[in-house]
Amino acid sequence: GGLVQAGGSLRLSCAASRRSFSSYAM
């Protein structure tokens, strides 16, 4: 997250500790 001007872009990341990560929706 952060500050961006209208029309700009950001990429958010979410790191998970869950086992069998690919079995769960995010």
PDB file of all heavy atoms in Angstrom:
ATOM      1  N   GLY A   1       0.816  -1.201   0.000  1.00  0.00           N
ATOM      2  CA  GLY A   1       0.000   0.000   0.000  1.00  0.00           C
ATOM      3  C   GLY A   1       0.851   1.252   0.000  1.00  0.00           C
ATOM      4  O   GLY A   1       2.058   1.217   0.236  1.00  0.00           O
ATOM      5  N   GLY A   2       0.203   2.379  -0.278  1.00  0.00           N
ATOM      6  CA  GLY A   2       0.902   3.645  -0.307  1.00  0.00           C
ATOM      7  C   GLY A   2       0.068   4.727  -0.931  1.00  0.00           C
ATOM      8  O   GLY A   2      -1.140   4.579  -1.119  1.00  0.00           O
ATOM      9  N   LEU A   3       0.729   5.829  -1.263  1.00  0.00           N
ATOM     10  CA  LEU A   3       0.098   6.996  -1.871  1.00  0.00           C
ATOM     11  C   LEU A   3       0.390   7.011  -3.360  1.00  0.00           C
ATOM     12  O   LEU A   3       1.544   6.878  -3.772  1.00  0.00           O
ATOM     13  CB  LEU A   3       0.617   8.277  -1.220  1.00  0.00           C
ATOM     14  CG  LEU A   3       0.139   9.601  -1.806  1.00  0.00           C
ATOM     15  CD1 LEU A   3      -1.362   9.758  -1.623  1.00  0.00           C
ATOM     16  CD2 LEU A   3       0.892  10.757  -1.160  1.00  0.00           C
ATOM     17  N   VAL A   4      -0.645   7.187  -4.166  1.00  0.00           N
ATOM     18  CA  VAL A   4      -0.496   7.215  -5.615  1.00  0.00           C
ATOM     19  C   VAL A   4      -1.468   8.238  -6.194  1.00  0.00           C
ATOM     20  O   VAL A   4      -2.543   8.464  -5.639  1.00  0.00           O
ATOM     21  CB  VAL A   4      -0.732   5.812  -6.219  1.00  0.00           C
ATOM     22  CG1 VAL A   4      -2.167   5.344  -5.989  1.00  0.00           C
ATOM     23  CG2 VAL A   4      -0.380   5.776  -7.697  1.00  0.00           C
ATOM     24  N   GLN A   5      -1.091   8.860  -7.299  1.00  0.00           N
ATOM     25  CA  GLN A   5      -1.977   9.797  -7.974  1.00  0.00           C
ATOM     26  C   GLN A   5      -3.025   9.063  -8.793  1.00  0.00           C
ATOM     27  O   GLN A   5      -2.812   7.925  -9.233  1.00  0.00           O
ATOM     28  CB  GLN A   5      -1.184  10.732  -8.887  1.00  0.00           C
ATOM     29  CG  GLN A   5      -0.315  11.731  -8.154  1.00  0.00           C
ATOM     30  CD  GLN A   5       0.343  12.712  -9.090  1.00  0.00           C
ATOM     31  OE1 GLN A   5       0.882  12.334 -10.129  1.00  0.00           O
ATOM     32  NE2 GLN A   5       0.300  13.980  -8.741  1.00  0.00           N
ATOM     33  N   ALA A   6      -4.166   9.704  -8.992  1.00  0.00           N
ATOM     34  CA  ALA A   6      -5.206   9.131  -9.837  1.00  0.00           C
ATOM     35  C   ALA A   6      -4.632   8.749 -11.201  1.00  0.00           C
ATOM     36  O   ALA A   6      -3.862   9.502 -11.798  1.00  0.00           O
ATOM     37  CB  ALA A   6      -6.356  10.111  -9.998  1.00  0.00           C
ATOM     38  N   GLY A   7      -5.017   7.572 -11.679  1.00  0.00           N
ATOM     39  CA  GLY A   7      -4.487   7.044 -12.921  1.00  0.00           C
ATOM     40  C   GLY A   7      -3.265   6.171 -12.759  1.00  0.00           C
ATOM     41  O   GLY A   7      -2.865   5.488 -13.713  1.00  0.00           O
ATOM     42  N   GLY A   8      -2.678   6.156 -11.580  1.00  0.00           N
ATOM     43  CA  GLY A   8      -1.494   5.367 -11.319  1.00  0.00           C
ATOM     44  C   GLY A   8      -1.808   3.937 -10.942  1.00  0.00           C
ATOM     45  O   GLY A   8      -2.959   3.495 -10.964  1.00  0.00           O
ATOM     46  N   SER A   9      -0.756   3.204 -10.562  1.00  0.00           N
ATOM     47  CA  SER A   9      -0.872   1.781 -10.272  1.00  0.00           C
ATOM     48  C   SER A   9      -0.159   1.419  -8.979  1.00  0.00           C
ATOM     49  O   SER A   9       0.818   2.062  -8.589  1.00  0.00           O
ATOM     50  CB  SER A   9      -0.259   0.946 -11.402  1.00  0.00           C
ATOM     51  OG  SER A   9      -0.926   1.155 -12.623  1.00  0.00           O
ATOM     52  N   LEU A  10      -0.645   0.369  -8.327  1.00  0.00           N
ATOM     53  CA  LEU A  10      -0.005  -0.246  -7.183  1.00  0.00           C
ATOM     54  C   LEU A  10      -0.225  -1.747  -7.262  1.00  0.00           C
ATOM     55  O   LEU A  10      -1.223  -2.194  -7.826  1.00  0.00           O
ATOM     56  CB  LEU A  10      -0.579   0.258  -5.861  1.00  0.00           C
ATOM     57  CG  LEU A  10      -0.204   1.652  -5.372  1.00  0.00           C
ATOM     58  CD1 LEU A  10      -1.032   1.991  -4.127  1.00  0.00           C
ATOM     59  CD2 LEU A  10       1.276   1.730  -5.052  1.00  0.00           C
ATOM     60  N   ARG A  11       0.684  -2.515  -6.679  1.00  0.00           N
ATOM     61  CA  ARG A  11       0.493  -3.951  -6.536  1.00  0.00           C
ATOM     62  C   ARG A  11       0.559  -4.320  -5.066  1.00  0.00           C
ATOM     63  O   ARG A  11       1.570  -4.071  -4.391  1.00  0.00           O
ATOM     64  CB  ARG A  11       1.542  -4.753  -7.306  1.00  0.00           C
ATOM     65  CG  ARG A  11       1.209  -6.256  -7.324  1.00  0.00           C
ATOM     66  CD  ARG A  11       2.220  -7.091  -8.078  1.00  0.00           C
ATOM     67  NE  ARG A  11       3.449  -7.287  -7.318  1.00  0.00           N
ATOM     68  CZ  ARG A  11       4.314  -8.273  -7.540  1.00  0.00           C
ATOM     69  NH1 ARG A  11       4.082  -9.156  -8.516  1.00  0.00           N
ATOM     70  NH2 ARG A  11       5.413  -8.359  -6.812  1.00  0.00           N
ATOM     71  N   LEU A  12      -0.508  -4.919  -4.562  1.00  0.00           N
ATOM     72  CA  LEU A  12      -0.561  -5.401  -3.194  1.00  0.00           C
ATOM     73  C   LEU A  12      -0.167  -6.867  -3.146  1.00  0.00           C
ATOM     74  O   LEU A  12      -0.466  -7.632  -4.068  1.00  0.00           O
ATOM     75  CB  LEU A  12      -1.967  -5.236  -2.614  1.00  0.00           C
ATOM     76  CG  LEU A  12      -2.586  -3.840  -2.684  1.00  0.00           C
ATOM     77  CD1 LEU A  12      -3.937  -3.843  -1.978  1.00  0.00           C
ATOM     78  CD2 LEU A  12      -1.658  -2.799  -2.084  1.00  0.00           C
ATOM     79  N   SER A  13       0.488  -7.268  -2.064  1.00  0.00           N
ATOM     80  CA  SER A  13       0.876  -8.650  -1.855  1.00  0.00           C
ATOM     81  C   SER A  13       0.296  -9.149  -0.543  1.00  0.00           C
ATOM     82  O   SER A  13       0.145  -8.383   0.410  1.00  0.00           O
ATOM     83  CB  SER A  13       2.397  -8.796  -1.812  1.00  0.00           C
ATOM     84  OG  SER A  13       2.984  -8.403  -3.028  1.00  0.00           O
ATOM     85  N   CYS A  14      -0.009 -10.435  -0.481  1.00  0.00           N
ATOM     86  CA  CYS A  14      -0.504 -11.072   0.731  1.00  0.00           C
ATOM     87  C   CYS A  14       0.218 -12.396   0.897  1.00  0.00           C
ATOM     88  O   CYS A  14      -0.012 -13.333   0.123  1.00  0.00           O
ATOM     89  CB  CYS A  14      -2.012 -11.283   0.652  1.00  0.00           C
ATOM     90  SG  CYS A  14      -2.717 -12.118   2.083  1.00  0.00           S
ATOM     91  N   ALA A  15       1.084 -12.479   1.892  1.00  0.00           N
ATOM     92  CA  ALA A  15       1.841 -13.688   2.180  1.00  0.00           C
ATOM     93  C   ALA A  15       1.115 -14.505   3.240  1.00  0.00           C
ATOM     94  O   ALA A  15       0.723 -13.977   4.280  1.00  0.00           O
ATOM     95  CB  ALA A  15       3.242 -13.337   2.657  1.00  0.00           C
ATOM     96  N   ALA A  16       0.941 -15.801   2.983  1.00  0.00           N
ATOM     97  CA  ALA A  16       0.182 -16.688   3.856  1.00  0.00           C
ATOM     98  C   ALA A  16       1.082 -17.739   4.481  1.00  0.00           C
ATOM     99  O   ALA A  16       1.993 -18.265   3.832  1.00  0.00           O
ATOM    100  CB  ALA A  16      -0.939 -17.370   3.078  1.00  0.00           C
ATOM    101  N   SER A  17       0.801 -18.068   5.747  1.00  0.00           N
ATOM    102  CA  SER A  17       1.526 -19.131   6.435  1.00  0.00           C
ATOM    103  C   SER A  17       0.848 -20.484   6.300  1.00  0.00           C
ATOM    104  O   SER A  17       1.369 -21.480   6.785  1.00  0.00           O
ATOM    105  CB  SER A  17       1.661 -18.787   7.920  1.00  0.00           C
ATOM    106  OG  SER A  17       0.395 -18.755   8.551  1.00  0.00           O
ATOM    107  N   ARG A  18      -0.295 -20.547   5.640  1.00  0.00           N
ATOM    108  CA  ARG A  18      -1.122 -21.746   5.583  1.00  0.00           C
ATOM    109  C   ARG A  18      -0.431 -22.907   4.879  1.00  0.00           C
ATOM    110  O   ARG A  18       0.184 -22.740   3.814  1.00  0.00           O
ATOM    111  CB  ARG A  18      -2.449 -21.393   4.900  1.00  0.00           C
ATOM    112  CG  ARG A  18      -3.229 -22.538   4.322  1.00  0.00           C
ATOM    113  CD  ARG A  18      -4.671 -22.135   4.089  1.00  0.00           C
ATOM    114  NE  ARG A  18      -5.474 -22.387   5.266  1.00  0.00           N
ATOM    115  CZ  ARG A  18      -6.682 -21.892   5.481  1.00  0.00           C
ATOM    116  NH1 ARG A  18      -7.228 -21.084   4.598  1.00  0.00           N
ATOM    117  NH2 ARG A  18      -7.337 -22.190   6.589  1.00  0.00           N
ATOM    118  N   ARG A  19      -0.571 -24.121   5.456  1.00  0.00           N
ATOM    119  CA  ARG A  19      -0.175 -25.330   4.762  1.00  0.00           C
ATOM    120  C   ARG A  19      -1.137 -25.592   3.606  1.00  0.00           C
ATOM    121  O   ARG A  19      -2.299 -25.211   3.652  1.00  0.00           O
ATOM    122  CB  ARG A  19      -0.197 -26.522   5.719  1.00  0.00           C
ATOM    123  CG  ARG A  19       0.839 -26.478   6.811  1.00  0.00           C
ATOM    124  CD  ARG A  19       0.758 -27.724   7.662  1.00  0.00           C
ATOM    125  NE  ARG A  19       1.750 -27.741   8.720  1.00  0.00           N
ATOM    126  CZ  ARG A  19       1.880 -28.693   9.620  1.00  0.00           C
ATOM    127  NH1 ARG A  19       1.059 -29.744   9.583  1.00  0.00           N
ATOM    128  NH2 ARG A  19       2.809 -28.620  10.554  1.00  0.00           N
ATOM    129  N   SER A  20      -0.652 -26.264   2.580  1.00  0.00           N
ATOM    130  CA  SER A  20      -1.452 -26.585   1.400  1.00  0.00           C
ATOM    131  C   SER A  20      -2.121 -25.335   0.849  1.00  0.00           C
ATOM    132  O   SER A  20      -3.328 -25.306   0.572  1.00  0.00           O
ATOM    133  CB  SER A  20      -2.492 -27.661   1.738  1.00  0.00           C
ATOM    134  OG  SER A  20      -1.881 -28.843   2.201  1.00  0.00           O
ATOM    135  N   PHE A  21      -1.330 -24.291   0.656  1.00  0.00           N
ATOM    136  CA  PHE A  21      -1.829 -22.993   0.216  1.00  0.00           C
ATOM    137  C   PHE A  21      -2.675 -23.102  -1.046  1.00  0.00           C
ATOM    138  O   PHE A  21      -3.702 -22.431  -1.175  1.00  0.00           O
ATOM    139  CB  PHE A  21      -0.638 -22.061  -0.013  1.00  0.00           C
ATOM    140  CG  PHE A  21      -0.993 -20.708  -0.551  1.00  0.00           C
ATOM    141  CD1 PHE A  21      -1.562 -19.749   0.265  1.00  0.00           C
ATOM    142  CD2 PHE A  21      -0.737 -20.386  -1.876  1.00  0.00           C
ATOM    143  CE1 PHE A  21      -1.878 -18.494  -0.225  1.00  0.00           C
ATOM    144  CE2 PHE A  21      -1.046 -19.134  -2.373  1.00  0.00           C
ATOM    145  CZ  PHE A  21      -1.617 -18.192  -1.545  1.00  0.00           C
ATOM    146  N   SER A  22      -2.268 -23.955  -1.978  1.00  0.00           N
ATOM    147  CA  SER A  22      -2.968 -24.061  -3.253  1.00  0.00           C
ATOM    148  C   SER A  22      -4.355 -24.672  -3.139  1.00  0.00           C
ATOM    149  O   SER A  22      -5.116 -24.640  -4.109  1.00  0.00           O
ATOM    150  CB  SER A  22      -2.131 -24.868  -4.250  1.00  0.00           C
ATOM    151  OG  SER A  22      -1.957 -26.203  -3.811  1.00  0.00           O
ATOM    152  N   SER A  23      -4.713 -25.227  -1.988  1.00  0.00           N
ATOM    153  CA  SER A  23      -6.036 -25.805  -1.787  1.00  0.00           C
ATOM    154  C   SER A  23      -7.078 -24.778  -1.359  1.00  0.00           C
ATOM    155  O   SER A  23      -8.256 -25.117  -1.255  1.00  0.00           O
ATOM    156  CB  SER A  23      -5.985 -26.914  -0.734  1.00  0.00           C
ATOM    157  OG  SER A  23      -5.165 -27.988  -1.166  1.00  0.00           O
ATOM    158  N   TYR A  24      -6.657 -23.539  -1.115  1.00  0.00           N
ATOM    159  CA  TYR A  24      -7.544 -22.532  -0.556  1.00  0.00           C
ATOM    160  C   TYR A  24      -7.655 -21.316  -1.457  1.00  0.00           C
ATOM    161  O   TYR A  24      -6.676 -20.876  -2.068  1.00  0.00           O
ATOM    162  CB  TYR A  24      -7.049 -22.105   0.827  1.00  0.00           C
ATOM    163  CG  TYR A  24      -7.087 -23.224   1.827  1.00  0.00           C
ATOM    164  CD1 TYR A  24      -6.008 -24.084   1.971  1.00  0.00           C
ATOM    165  CD2 TYR A  24      -8.220 -23.442   2.608  1.00  0.00           C
ATOM    166  CE1 TYR A  24      -6.046 -25.139   2.874  1.00  0.00           C
ATOM    167  CE2 TYR A  24      -8.265 -24.484   3.513  1.00  0.00           C
ATOM    168  CZ  TYR A  24      -7.179 -25.328   3.640  1.00  0.00           C
ATOM    169  OH  TYR A  24      -7.223 -26.371   4.538  1.00  0.00           O
ATOM    170  N   ALA A  25      -8.865 -20.774  -1.503  1.00  0.00           N
ATOM    171  CA  ALA A  25      -9.088 -19.530  -2.220  1.00  0.00           C
ATOM    172  C   ALA A  25      -8.507 -18.350  -1.447  1.00  0.00           C
ATOM    173  O   ALA A  25      -8.408 -18.371  -0.216  1.00  0.00           O
ATOM    174  CB  ALA A  25     -10.579 -19.317  -2.449  1.00  0.00           C
ATOM    175  N   MET A  26      -8.121 -17.315  -2.181  1.00  0.00           N
ATOM    176  CA  MET A  26      -7.623 -16.072  -1.595  1.00  0.00           C
ATOM    177  C   MET A  26      -8.404 -14.910  -2.179  1.00  0.00           C
ATOM    178  O   MET A  26      -8.925 -15.001  -3.297  1.00  0.00           O
ATOM    179  CB  MET A  26      -6.138 -15.886  -1.890  1.00  0.00           C
ATOM    180  CG  MET A  26      -5.236 -16.959  -1.314  1.00  0.00           C
ATOM    181  SD  MET A  26      -5.069 -16.832   0.484  1.00  0.00           S
ATOM    182  CE  MET A  26      -4.169 -15.277   0.628  1.00  0.00           C
TER     183      MET A  26
END
